[in-house]
Amino acid sequence: MELIVIKISGSVQGVNFRYYAWRTANDLEIKGFVRNELDGTVYCEAQGEKKNLEQFLAWCRTGPPLSKVTNVKFSYEPMENKYDDFNIKY
């Protein structure tokens, strides 16, 4: 298990990014959360198997159909078994 922190920039709010991230995370058995930030970015913490996290990160670089991702910053963090499921935070 690994933990990755992701910040996605671009046209990523108001395009159902969080919903699609939630759906993708659940399909990949990833736990954590996604939320909109005041600066217009989307922030995500994701916990799971490394290969699944890599697929999730690849998805974040494209996002849902109406989004226009311009930048994805990420870092792997020390693993803490923090999450029981994947949530959308408001």
N, C-alpha and C. Protein backbone atom coordinates (compact mmCIF):
# COMPACT_ATOMS: atom_id res chain seq x y z
N MET A 1 0.84 -1.19 0.00
CA MET A 1 0.00 0.00 0.00
C MET A 1 0.88 1.25 0.00
N GLU A 2 0.42 2.24 -0.73
CA GLU A 2 1.12 3.52 -0.84
C GLU A 2 0.11 4.65 -0.64
N LEU A 3 0.62 5.84 -0.39
CA LEU A 3 -0.22 7.04 -0.27
C LEU A 3 0.36 8.11 -1.17
N ILE A 4 -0.49 8.69 -2.00
CA ILE A 4 -0.05 9.73 -2.92
C ILE A 4 -0.94 10.97 -2.73
N VAL A 5 -0.32 12.14 -2.76
CA VAL A 5 -1.02 13.41 -2.67
C VAL A 5 -0.93 14.06 -4.05
N ILE A 6 -2.08 14.49 -4.58
CA ILE A 6 -2.15 14.98 -5.95
C ILE A 6 -2.84 16.34 -5.97
N LYS A 7 -2.29 17.27 -6.76
CA LYS A 7 -2.92 18.58 -6.98
C LYS A 7 -3.05 18.78 -8.49
N ILE A 8 -4.28 18.95 -8.95
CA ILE A 8 -4.57 19.04 -10.38
C ILE A 8 -4.99 20.47 -10.71
N SER A 9 -4.35 21.05 -11.73
CA SER A 9 -4.64 22.41 -12.16
C SER A 9 -5.24 22.41 -13.55
N GLY A 10 -5.91 23.50 -13.88
CA GLY A 10 -6.51 23.67 -15.20
C GLY A 10 -7.98 23.97 -15.04
N SER A 11 -8.75 23.63 -16.05
CA SER A 11 -10.20 23.76 -15.98
C SER A 11 -10.74 22.46 -15.36
N VAL A 12 -10.70 22.40 -14.03
CA VAL A 12 -11.00 21.15 -13.33
C VAL A 12 -12.14 21.29 -12.31
N GLN A 13 -12.68 22.47 -12.17
CA GLN A 13 -13.85 22.65 -11.30
C GLN A 13 -15.06 22.97 -12.17
N GLY A 14 -16.22 22.47 -11.75
CA GLY A 14 -17.44 22.69 -12.52
C GLY A 14 -17.59 21.75 -13.70
N VAL A 15 -16.78 20.68 -13.73
CA VAL A 15 -16.82 19.72 -14.84
C VAL A 15 -16.99 18.29 -14.33
N ASN A 16 -17.47 18.16 -13.10
CA ASN A 16 -17.68 16.85 -12.45
C ASN A 16 -16.38 16.08 -12.22
N PHE A 17 -15.29 16.79 -12.06
CA PHE A 17 -14.00 16.13 -11.84
C PHE A 17 -14.03 15.26 -10.59
N ARG A 18 -14.58 15.79 -9.50
CA ARG A 18 -14.60 15.03 -8.25
C ARG A 18 -15.42 13.75 -8.38
N TYR A 19 -16.57 13.83 -9.05
CA TYR A 19 -17.40 12.64 -9.23
C TYR A 19 -16.65 11.57 -10.02
N TYR A 20 -16.06 11.97 -11.13
CA TYR A 20 -15.33 11.01 -11.95
C TYR A 20 -14.10 10.46 -11.22
N ALA A 21 -13.45 11.29 -10.42
CA ALA A 21 -12.32 10.81 -9.60
C ALA A 21 -12.81 9.78 -8.60
N TRP A 22 -13.93 10.05 -7.97
CA TRP A 22 -14.53 9.10 -7.02
C TRP A 22 -14.83 7.77 -7.71
N ARG A 23 -15.46 7.85 -8.87
CA ARG A 23 -15.81 6.62 -9.61
C ARG A 23 -14.56 5.84 -10.02
N THR A 24 -13.56 6.55 -10.53
CA THR A 24 -12.31 5.91 -10.95
C THR A 24 -11.60 5.29 -9.76
N ALA A 25 -11.53 6.01 -8.65
CA ALA A 25 -10.88 5.50 -7.44
C ALA A 25 -11.57 4.23 -6.96
N ASN A 26 -12.89 4.22 -6.96
CA ASN A 26 -13.61 3.03 -6.52
C ASN A 26 -13.37 1.85 -7.45
N ASP A 27 -13.32 2.11 -8.75
CA ASP A 27 -13.03 1.05 -9.72
C ASP A 27 -11.65 0.44 -9.47
N LEU A 28 -10.70 1.27 -9.02
CA LEU A 28 -9.32 0.84 -8.80
C LEU A 28 -9.05 0.43 -7.34
N GLU A 29 -10.10 0.39 -6.52
CA GLU A 29 -9.98 0.02 -5.11
C GLU A 29 -9.03 0.95 -4.35
N ILE A 30 -9.15 2.24 -4.65
CA ILE A 30 -8.35 3.27 -3.98
C ILE A 30 -9.21 3.94 -2.92
N LYS A 31 -8.58 4.26 -1.81
CA LYS A 31 -9.26 4.94 -0.71
C LYS A 31 -8.65 6.32 -0.54
N GLY A 32 -9.41 7.24 0.04
CA GLY A 32 -8.92 8.59 0.27
C GLY A 32 -10.02 9.60 0.06
N PHE A 33 -9.68 10.75 -0.55
CA PHE A 33 -10.68 11.78 -0.81
C PHE A 33 -10.22 12.71 -1.92
N VAL A 34 -11.19 13.47 -2.44
CA VAL A 34 -10.93 14.49 -3.44
C VAL A 34 -11.76 15.71 -3.04
N ARG A 35 -11.20 16.92 -3.26
CA ARG A 35 -11.93 18.14 -2.95
C ARG A 35 -11.48 19.28 -3.86
N ASN A 36 -12.38 20.25 -4.05
CA ASN A 36 -12.04 21.48 -4.76
C ASN A 36 -11.32 22.41 -3.79
N GLU A 37 -10.33 23.12 -4.30
CA GLU A 37 -9.60 24.10 -3.51
C GLU A 37 -10.05 25.51 -3.92
N LEU A 38 -9.87 26.48 -3.05
CA LEU A 38 -10.26 27.86 -3.32
C LEU A 38 -9.50 28.46 -4.50
N ASP A 39 -8.29 27.95 -4.79
CA ASP A 39 -7.48 28.49 -5.88
C ASP A 39 -7.86 27.91 -7.25
N GLY A 40 -8.93 27.11 -7.32
CA GLY A 40 -9.39 26.55 -8.59
C GLY A 40 -8.82 25.19 -8.93
N THR A 41 -7.96 24.66 -8.08
CA THR A 41 -7.39 23.34 -8.32
C THR A 41 -8.24 22.26 -7.64
N VAL A 42 -7.90 21.02 -7.91
CA VAL A 42 -8.50 19.87 -7.23
C VAL A 42 -7.38 19.18 -6.46
N TYR A 43 -7.65 18.86 -5.20
CA TYR A 43 -6.69 18.21 -4.31
C TYR A 43 -7.20 16.82 -3.99
N CYS A 44 -6.27 15.87 -3.98
CA CYS A 44 -6.66 14.48 -3.74
C CYS A 44 -5.61 13.78 -2.91
N GLU A 45 -6.04 12.96 -1.97
CA GLU A 45 -5.18 12.02 -1.28
C GLU A 45 -5.70 10.63 -1.61
N ALA A 46 -4.81 9.78 -2.10
CA ALA A 46 -5.20 8.45 -2.56
C ALA A 46 -4.29 7.39 -1.95
N GLN A 47 -4.90 6.34 -1.47
CA GLN A 47 -4.18 5.25 -0.81
C GLN A 47 -4.57 3.93 -1.49
N GLY A 48 -3.57 3.14 -1.84
CA GLY A 48 -3.86 1.86 -2.47
C GLY A 48 -2.59 1.19 -2.95
N GLU A 49 -2.79 0.16 -3.77
CA GLU A 49 -1.66 -0.54 -4.37
C GLU A 49 -1.00 0.36 -5.40
N LYS A 50 0.32 0.30 -5.47
CA LYS A 50 1.08 1.21 -6.33
C LYS A 50 0.60 1.17 -7.78
N LYS A 51 0.37 -0.01 -8.33
CA LYS A 51 -0.06 -0.10 -9.73
C LYS A 51 -1.41 0.57 -9.95
N ASN A 52 -2.30 0.49 -8.96
CA ASN A 52 -3.60 1.16 -9.06
C ASN A 52 -3.45 2.67 -8.93
N LEU A 53 -2.55 3.10 -8.05
CA LEU A 53 -2.30 4.53 -7.90
C LEU A 53 -1.71 5.11 -9.18
N GLU A 54 -0.85 4.37 -9.84
CA GLU A 54 -0.27 4.83 -11.10
C GLU A 54 -1.36 4.99 -12.17
N GLN A 55 -2.32 4.08 -12.20
CA GLN A 55 -3.44 4.19 -13.15
C GLN A 55 -4.31 5.40 -12.80
N PHE A 56 -4.55 5.61 -11.50
CA PHE A 56 -5.34 6.76 -11.06
C PHE A 56 -4.64 8.07 -11.42
N LEU A 57 -3.33 8.12 -11.20
CA LEU A 57 -2.55 9.31 -11.54
C LEU A 57 -2.61 9.57 -13.05
N ALA A 58 -2.52 8.53 -13.85
CA ALA A 58 -2.63 8.68 -15.30
C ALA A 58 -4.00 9.24 -15.67
N TRP A 59 -5.05 8.76 -15.00
CA TRP A 59 -6.39 9.30 -15.24
C TRP A 59 -6.44 10.78 -14.87
N CYS A 60 -5.84 11.17 -13.75
CA CYS A 60 -5.85 12.56 -13.30
C CYS A 60 -5.20 13.49 -14.32
N ARG A 61 -4.27 13.00 -15.09
CA ARG A 61 -3.60 13.83 -16.10
C ARG A 61 -4.52 14.18 -17.26
N THR A 62 -5.60 13.44 -17.41
CA THR A 62 -6.59 13.71 -18.46
C THR A 62 -7.90 14.20 -17.87
N GLY A 63 -8.38 13.52 -16.83
CA GLY A 63 -9.63 13.88 -16.18
C GLY A 63 -10.84 13.51 -17.02
N PRO A 64 -12.01 13.99 -16.59
CA PRO A 64 -13.25 13.68 -17.32
C PRO A 64 -13.33 14.46 -18.63
N PRO A 65 -14.32 14.13 -19.47
CA PRO A 65 -14.39 14.72 -20.82
C PRO A 65 -14.39 16.25 -20.88
N LEU A 66 -15.06 16.94 -19.96
CA LEU A 66 -15.16 18.40 -20.05
C LEU A 66 -13.99 19.14 -19.41
N SER A 67 -13.09 18.43 -18.74
CA SER A 67 -11.97 19.09 -18.08
C SER A 67 -10.83 19.37 -19.06
N LYS A 68 -9.98 20.31 -18.66
CA LYS A 68 -8.75 20.60 -19.41
C LYS A 68 -7.63 20.68 -18.37
N VAL A 69 -6.97 19.57 -18.14
CA VAL A 69 -5.90 19.50 -17.14
C VAL A 69 -4.64 20.12 -17.74
N THR A 70 -4.05 21.08 -17.01
CA THR A 70 -2.83 21.72 -17.49
C THR A 70 -1.60 21.29 -16.69
N ASN A 71 -1.80 20.84 -15.44
CA ASN A 71 -0.67 20.46 -14.61
C ASN A 71 -1.13 19.51 -13.51
N VAL A 72 -0.30 18.53 -13.22
CA VAL A 72 -0.55 17.60 -12.11
C VAL A 72 0.72 17.51 -11.29
N LYS A 73 0.64 17.92 -10.04
CA LYS A 73 1.76 17.77 -9.11
C LYS A 73 1.39 16.66 -8.14
N PHE A 74 2.37 15.83 -7.83
CA PHE A 74 2.08 14.73 -6.91
C PHE A 74 3.32 14.38 -6.11
N SER A 75 3.09 13.75 -4.99
CA SER A 75 4.19 13.23 -4.18
C SER A 75 3.70 12.01 -3.42
N TYR A 76 4.58 11.06 -3.29
CA TYR A 76 4.29 9.89 -2.46
C TYR A 76 4.64 10.26 -1.03
N GLU A 77 3.78 9.92 -0.10
CA GLU A 77 3.94 10.27 1.30
C GLU A 77 4.13 8.99 2.12
N PRO A 78 4.66 9.12 3.34
CA PRO A 78 4.75 7.95 4.20
C PRO A 78 3.35 7.35 4.40
N MET A 79 3.29 6.05 4.29
CA MET A 79 2.00 5.38 4.33
C MET A 79 1.44 5.32 5.74
N GLU A 80 0.25 5.82 5.87
CA GLU A 80 -0.55 5.63 7.08
C GLU A 80 -1.87 5.06 6.59
N ASN A 81 -2.36 4.05 7.23
CA ASN A 81 -3.63 3.46 6.82
C ASN A 81 -4.75 4.36 7.31
N LYS A 82 -4.96 5.49 6.61
CA LYS A 82 -5.84 6.55 7.05
C LYS A 82 -7.29 6.41 6.62
N TYR A 83 -7.54 5.74 5.52
CA TYR A 83 -8.85 5.81 4.89
C TYR A 83 -9.51 4.44 4.78
N ASP A 84 -10.85 4.46 4.94
CA ASP A 84 -11.64 3.23 4.80
C ASP A 84 -12.37 3.19 3.47
N ASP A 85 -12.52 4.35 2.81
CA ASP A 85 -13.19 4.43 1.53
C ASP A 85 -12.74 5.69 0.81
N PHE A 86 -13.32 5.98 -0.34
CA PHE A 86 -12.96 7.19 -1.08
C PHE A 86 -14.17 8.11 -1.06
N ASN A 87 -13.94 9.37 -0.66
CA ASN A 87 -15.02 10.34 -0.51
C ASN A 87 -14.79 11.60 -1.31
N ILE A 88 -15.88 12.26 -1.63
CA ILE A 88 -15.85 13.60 -2.19
C ILE A 88 -16.06 14.55 -1.03
N LYS A 89 -15.14 15.47 -0.84
CA LYS A 89 -15.28 16.48 0.22
C LYS A 89 -15.79 17.77 -0.38
N TYR A 90 -16.65 18.43 0.37
CA TYR A 90 -17.25 19.69 -0.09
C TYR A 90 -16.76 20.84 0.73
